[in-house]
Each structure stands twice: as structure tokens, then as C-alpha cells.
C-alpha atoms as a PDB file:
ATOM      1  CA  UNK A   1     -62.445 -76.406  29.425  1.00  0.00           C
ATOM      2  CA  UNK A   2     -64.481 -79.075  27.615  1.00  0.00           C
ATOM      3  CA  UNK A   3     -68.095 -77.996  26.938  1.00  0.00           C
ATOM      4  CA  UNK A   4     -69.175 -81.653  27.151  1.00  0.00           C
ATOM      5  CA  UNK A   5     -67.939 -82.146  30.692  1.00  0.00           C
ATOM      6  CA  UNK A   6     -69.769 -81.320  33.854  1.00  0.00           C
ATOM      7  CA  UNK A   7     -68.959 -80.935  37.503  1.00  0.00           C
ATOM      8  CA  UNK A   8     -72.435 -82.032  38.533  1.00  0.00           C
ATOM      9  CA  UNK A   9     -72.835 -85.454  40.184  1.00  0.00           C
ATOM     10  CA  UNK A  10     -73.011 -88.312  37.701  1.00  0.00           C
ATOM     11  CA  UNK A  11     -75.291 -91.300  38.013  1.00  0.00           C
ATOM     12  CA  UNK A  12     -73.936 -94.628  36.813  1.00  0.00           C
ATOM     13  CA  UNK A  13     -76.383 -97.426  36.135  1.00  0.00           C
ATOM     14  CA  UNK A  14     -76.339-100.711  34.302  1.00  0.00           C
ATOM     15  CA  UNK A  15     -78.165-100.861  30.991  1.00  0.00           C
ATOM     16  CA  UNK A  16     -79.466-104.411  31.364  1.00  0.00           C
ATOM     17  CA  UNK A  17     -81.704-104.518  28.296  1.00  0.00           C
ATOM     18  CA  UNK A  18     -79.144-103.897  25.553  1.00  0.00           C
ATOM     19  CA  UNK A  19     -75.768-104.473  27.180  1.00  0.00           C
ATOM     20  CA  UNK A  20     -75.892-106.097  30.621  1.00  0.00           C
ATOM     21  CA  UNK A  21     -72.248-105.254  31.339  1.00  0.00           C
ATOM     22  CA  UNK A  22     -72.382-101.671  30.042  1.00  0.00           C
ATOM     23  CA  UNK A  23     -72.607 -98.679  32.290  1.00  0.00           C
ATOM     24  CA  UNK A  24     -74.814 -95.732  31.446  1.00  0.00           C
ATOM     25  CA  UNK A  25     -73.631 -92.365  32.704  1.00  0.00           C
ATOM     26  CA  UNK A  26     -76.239 -89.665  33.168  1.00  0.00           C
ATOM     27  CA  UNK A  27     -76.398 -86.431  35.036  1.00  0.00           C
ATOM     28  CA  UNK A  28     -77.258 -82.771  34.758  1.00  0.00           C
ATOM     29  CA  UNK A  29     -75.208 -81.182  32.016  1.00  0.00           C
ATOM     30  CA  UNK A  30     -73.880 -84.472  30.613  1.00  0.00           C
ATOM     31  CA  UNK A  31     -74.075 -84.390  26.850  1.00  0.00           C
ATOM     32  CA  UNK A  32     -72.184 -85.543  23.819  1.00  0.00           C
ATOM     33  CA  UNK A  33     -71.988 -84.215  20.285  1.00  0.00           C
ATOM     34  CA  UNK A  34     -74.404 -85.917  17.835  1.00  0.00           C
ATOM     35  CA  UNK A  35     -71.515 -87.498  15.916  1.00  0.00           C
ATOM     36  CA  UNK A  36     -70.261 -89.142  19.136  1.00  0.00           C
ATOM     37  CA  UNK A  37     -73.731 -90.477  19.917  1.00  0.00           C
ATOM     38  CA  UNK A  38     -73.994 -91.976  16.408  1.00  0.00           C
ATOM     39  CA  UNK A  39     -70.556 -93.555  16.733  1.00  0.00           C
ATOM     40  CA  UNK A  40     -71.374 -95.011  20.146  1.00  0.00           C
ATOM     41  CA  UNK A  41     -74.664 -96.401  18.892  1.00  0.00           C
ATOM     42  CA  UNK A  42     -73.017 -98.129  15.948  1.00  0.00           C
ATOM     43  CA  UNK A  43     -70.110 -99.468  17.995  1.00  0.00           C
ATOM     44  CA  UNK A  44     -72.495-100.792  20.633  1.00  0.00           C
ATOM     45  CA  UNK A  45     -74.365-102.681  17.936  1.00  0.00           C
ATOM     46  CA  UNK A  46     -71.535-104.112  15.870  1.00  0.00           C
ATOM     47  CA  UNK A  47     -69.174-104.586  18.797  1.00  0.00           C
ATOM     48  CA  UNK A  48     -71.059-107.304  20.594  1.00  0.00           C
ATOM     49  CA  UNK A  49     -69.769-110.844  20.227  1.00  0.00           C
ATOM     50  CA  UNK A  50     -72.914-112.286  18.648  1.00  0.00           C
ATOM     51  CA  UNK A  51     -73.074-109.676  15.898  1.00  0.00           C
ATOM     52  CA  UNK A  52     -69.486-110.360  14.902  1.00  0.00           C
ATOM     53  CA  UNK A  53     -70.062-114.111  14.879  1.00  0.00           C
ATOM     54  CA  UNK A  54     -73.234-113.822  12.769  1.00  0.00           C
ATOM     55  CA  UNK A  55     -71.505-111.537  10.261  1.00  0.00           C
ATOM     56  CA  UNK A  56     -68.585-113.944  10.060  1.00  0.00           C
ATOM     57  CA  UNK A  57     -70.891-116.953   9.567  1.00  0.00           C
ATOM     58  CA  UNK A  58     -72.708-115.187   6.712  1.00  0.00           C
ATOM     59  CA  UNK A  59     -69.490-114.190   4.953  1.00  0.00           C
ATOM     60  CA  UNK A  60     -70.027-115.317   1.351  1.00  0.00           C
ATOM     61  CA  UNK A  61     -72.968-117.555   2.215  1.00  0.00           C
ATOM     62  CA  UNK A  62     -76.741-117.634   2.382  1.00  0.00           C
ATOM     63  CA  UNK A  63     -77.906-119.410   5.537  1.00  0.00           C
ATOM     64  CA  UNK A  64     -81.159-120.358   7.168  1.00  0.00           C
ATOM     65  CA  UNK A  65     -81.866-119.649  10.840  1.00  0.00           C
ATOM     66  CA  UNK A  66     -81.069-123.172  12.087  1.00  0.00           C
ATOM     67  CA  UNK A  67     -77.920-123.329   9.955  1.00  0.00           C
ATOM     68  CA  UNK A  68     -76.731-120.119  11.583  1.00  0.00           C
ATOM     69  CA  UNK A  69     -77.526-121.558  14.991  1.00  0.00           C
ATOM     70  CA  UNK A  70     -75.389-124.609  14.252  1.00  0.00           C
ATOM     71  CA  UNK A  71     -72.528-122.431  12.953  1.00  0.00           C
ATOM     72  CA  UNK A  72     -72.362-120.338  16.136  1.00  0.00           C
ATOM     73  CA  UNK A  73     -71.638-122.364  19.244  1.00  0.00           C
ATOM     74  CA  UNK A  74     -73.572-121.524  22.408  1.00  0.00           C
ATOM     75  CA  UNK A  75     -75.938-118.951  20.887  1.00  0.00           C
ATOM     76  CA  UNK A  76     -79.547-119.335  22.002  1.00  0.00           C
ATOM     77  CA  UNK A  77     -82.395-119.087  19.498  1.00  0.00           C
ATOM     78  CA  UNK A  78     -83.640-115.958  21.255  1.00  0.00           C
ATOM     79  CA  UNK A  79     -80.257-114.205  21.049  1.00  0.00           C
ATOM     80  CA  UNK A  80     -79.785-115.264  17.421  1.00  0.00           C
ATOM     81  CA  UNK A  81     -83.247-113.982  16.521  1.00  0.00           C
ATOM     82  CA  UNK A  82     -82.626-110.633  18.257  1.00  0.00           C
ATOM     83  CA  UNK A  83     -79.185-110.271  16.657  1.00  0.00           C
ATOM     84  CA  UNK A  84     -80.524-110.997  13.175  1.00  0.00           C
ATOM     85  CA  UNK A  85     -83.402-108.572  13.677  1.00  0.00           C
ATOM     86  CA  UNK A  86     -80.975-105.797  14.697  1.00  0.00           C
ATOM     87  CA  UNK A  87     -78.646-106.542  11.791  1.00  0.00           C
ATOM     88  CA  UNK A  88     -81.595-106.395   9.408  1.00  0.00           C
ATOM     89  CA  UNK A  89     -82.784-103.139  11.001  1.00  0.00           C
ATOM     90  CA  UNK A  90     -79.329-101.578  10.494  1.00  0.00           C
ATOM     91  CA  UNK A  91     -79.125-102.754   6.883  1.00  0.00           C
ATOM     92  CA  UNK A  92     -76.332-105.312   7.330  1.00  0.00           C
ATOM     93  CA  UNK A  93     -78.473-108.402   6.599  1.00  0.00           C
ATOM     94  CA  UNK A  94     -81.355-109.167   4.273  1.00  0.00           C
ATOM     95  CA  UNK A  95     -83.985-111.706   5.293  1.00  0.00           C
ATOM     96  CA  UNK A  96     -85.906-113.461   2.517  1.00  0.00           C
ATOM     97  CA  UNK A  97     -89.070-115.421   3.326  1.00  0.00           C
ATOM     98  CA  UNK A  98     -90.237-118.006   0.786  1.00  0.00           C
ATOM     99  CA  UNK A  99     -93.924-118.956   0.618  1.00  0.00           C
ATOM    100  CA  UNK A 100     -93.393-122.674   1.126  1.00  0.00           C
ATOM    101  CA  UNK A 101     -94.631-125.194   3.641  1.00  0.00           C
ATOM    102  CA  UNK A 102     -92.877-125.048   5.991  1.00  0.00           C
ATOM    103  CA  UNK A 103     -91.759-121.459   5.309  1.00  0.00           C
ATOM    104  CA  UNK A 104     -88.132-121.086   4.332  1.00  0.00           C
ATOM    105  CA  UNK A 105     -86.259-118.035   5.607  1.00  0.00           C
ATOM    106  CA  UNK A 106     -82.766-117.194   4.409  1.00  0.00           C
ATOM    107  CA  UNK A 107     -80.279-114.576   5.587  1.00  0.00           C
ATOM    108  CA  UNK A 108     -77.556-112.954   3.508  1.00  0.00           C
ATOM    109  CA  UNK A 109     -75.209-110.019   3.995  1.00  0.00           C
ATOM    110  CA  UNK A 110     -76.036-106.801   2.175  1.00  0.00           C
ATOM    111  CA  UNK A 111     -73.355-104.671   0.495  1.00  0.00           C
ATOM    112  CA  UNK A 112     -73.183-102.680   3.726  1.00  0.00           C
ATOM    113  CA  UNK A 113     -72.741-105.882   5.742  1.00  0.00           C
ATOM    114  CA  UNK A 114     -69.997-107.109   3.420  1.00  0.00           C
ATOM    115  CA  UNK A 115     -68.230-103.733   3.698  1.00  0.00           C
ATOM    116  CA  UNK A 116     -68.179-104.122   7.491  1.00  0.00           C
ATOM    117  CA  UNK A 117     -66.290-107.417   7.149  1.00  0.00           C
ATOM    118  CA  UNK A 118     -63.136-105.598   6.009  1.00  0.00           C
ATOM    119  CA  UNK A 119     -62.508-103.599   9.218  1.00  0.00           C
ATOM    120  CA  UNK A 120     -63.959-106.425  11.305  1.00  0.00           C
ATOM    121  CA  UNK A 121     -61.421-108.907   9.920  1.00  0.00           C
ATOM    122  CA  UNK A 122     -58.614-106.402  10.499  1.00  0.00           C
ATOM    123  CA  UNK A 123     -59.700-106.039  14.131  1.00  0.00           C
ATOM    124  CA  UNK A 124     -59.861-109.811  14.601  1.00  0.00           C
ATOM    125  CA  UNK A 125     -56.377-110.164  13.102  1.00  0.00           C
ATOM    126  CA  UNK A 126     -55.077-107.414  15.398  1.00  0.00           C
ATOM    127  CA  UNK A 127     -56.662-109.132  18.413  1.00  0.00           C
ATOM    128  CA  UNK A 128     -55.088-112.472  17.481  1.00  0.00           C
ATOM    129  CA  UNK A 129     -51.662-110.868  17.030  1.00  0.00           C
ATOM    130  CA  UNK A 130     -51.850-108.972  20.332  1.00  0.00           C
ATOM    131  CA  UNK A 131     -53.678-111.474  22.518  1.00  0.00           C
ATOM    132  CA  UNK A 132     -50.599-112.518  24.500  1.00  0.00           C
ATOM    133  CA  UNK A 133     -49.557-108.903  25.126  1.00  0.00           C
ATOM    134  CA  UNK A 134     -53.033-108.014  26.352  1.00  0.00           C
ATOM    135  CA  UNK A 135     -53.146-111.051  28.659  1.00  0.00           C
ATOM    136  CA  UNK A 136     -49.758-110.035  30.036  1.00  0.00           C
ATOM    137  CA  UNK A 137     -50.921-106.466  30.650  1.00  0.00           C
ATOM    138  CA  UNK A 138     -54.026-107.736  32.457  1.00  0.00           C
ATOM    139  CA  UNK A 139     -51.914-110.078  34.556  1.00  0.00           C
ATOM    140  CA  UNK A 140     -49.528-107.215  35.456  1.00  0.00           C
ATOM    141  CA  UNK A 141     -52.444-104.928  36.282  1.00  0.00           C
ATOM    142  CA  UNK A 142     -54.014-107.512  38.606  1.00  0.00           C
ATOM    143  CA  UNK A 143     -50.730-108.071  40.432  1.00  0.00           C
END
């Protein structure tokens, strides 16, 4: 028997603030080991589409906020700002503010951010190679 499972009723709710499409499962006796919580937290952060697109846009470049906005189609200024703030908080991006008029702010990947590009690019390659198979599986499932 798994010590992290429970037979108590579970409550499933949407976590609208961080991930509008994610479900949060809570209930008496529901727990997870600390390592699983850390993994989930990191995957939630780096797994969203905007994070991946920002990291990709910054690959080998230093960009200003508006340049990033132009690089990433359909991202709002609010979402870009929040994504950059989270990436900076996690140590993937460095923000440099220059005392100029108007102020100049530049974003660049840190060593940690650059190290994340390696598995991220492998995942993107895998997704490209398996896209047709996944679409077929979804089509079969819906049938």
C-alpha cells in the first residue's frame, strides 16, 4: 500500500491564478514527498508555453522587453512581464537596469537558464518528431 495515497474523498479545484487549466487535488491525508513537490513546482514553472518561448528567444542574445514582445507572437505585456519576473526569481534570467533616460532594461539568460536549454531543446525535438503519432492517438481516443 502506498503511504501517499488516501481513501478519503478528494476535492478537485481549478488553480486559476497560476495555471488556469490545472487541477489541484486536496483532501484529508493527501500528501506527497518533498522531492515530488519540488519537481512539480519546477515543472509547473518551466513547462508553460510562455516560459519556453522566452527562454528560446533569449538563447544567445540580450534583449529588451519590447524586443522580447516582438519575438514572441501573441504574448501580452502583462504575461511577458510576469513570465520574466518568475524566470528572474528562479535564477534563469538576469535583468539589468541602466540609469538612462528613458531607462534601458535588458534580459539575458544566466548559466542556469542556458543549462535548461539543453533538455528543453531535446523535448522540443522529441515533440516535433512525434507530433503526428500523438495527433493520431488523440484522434483514435476521440473516436
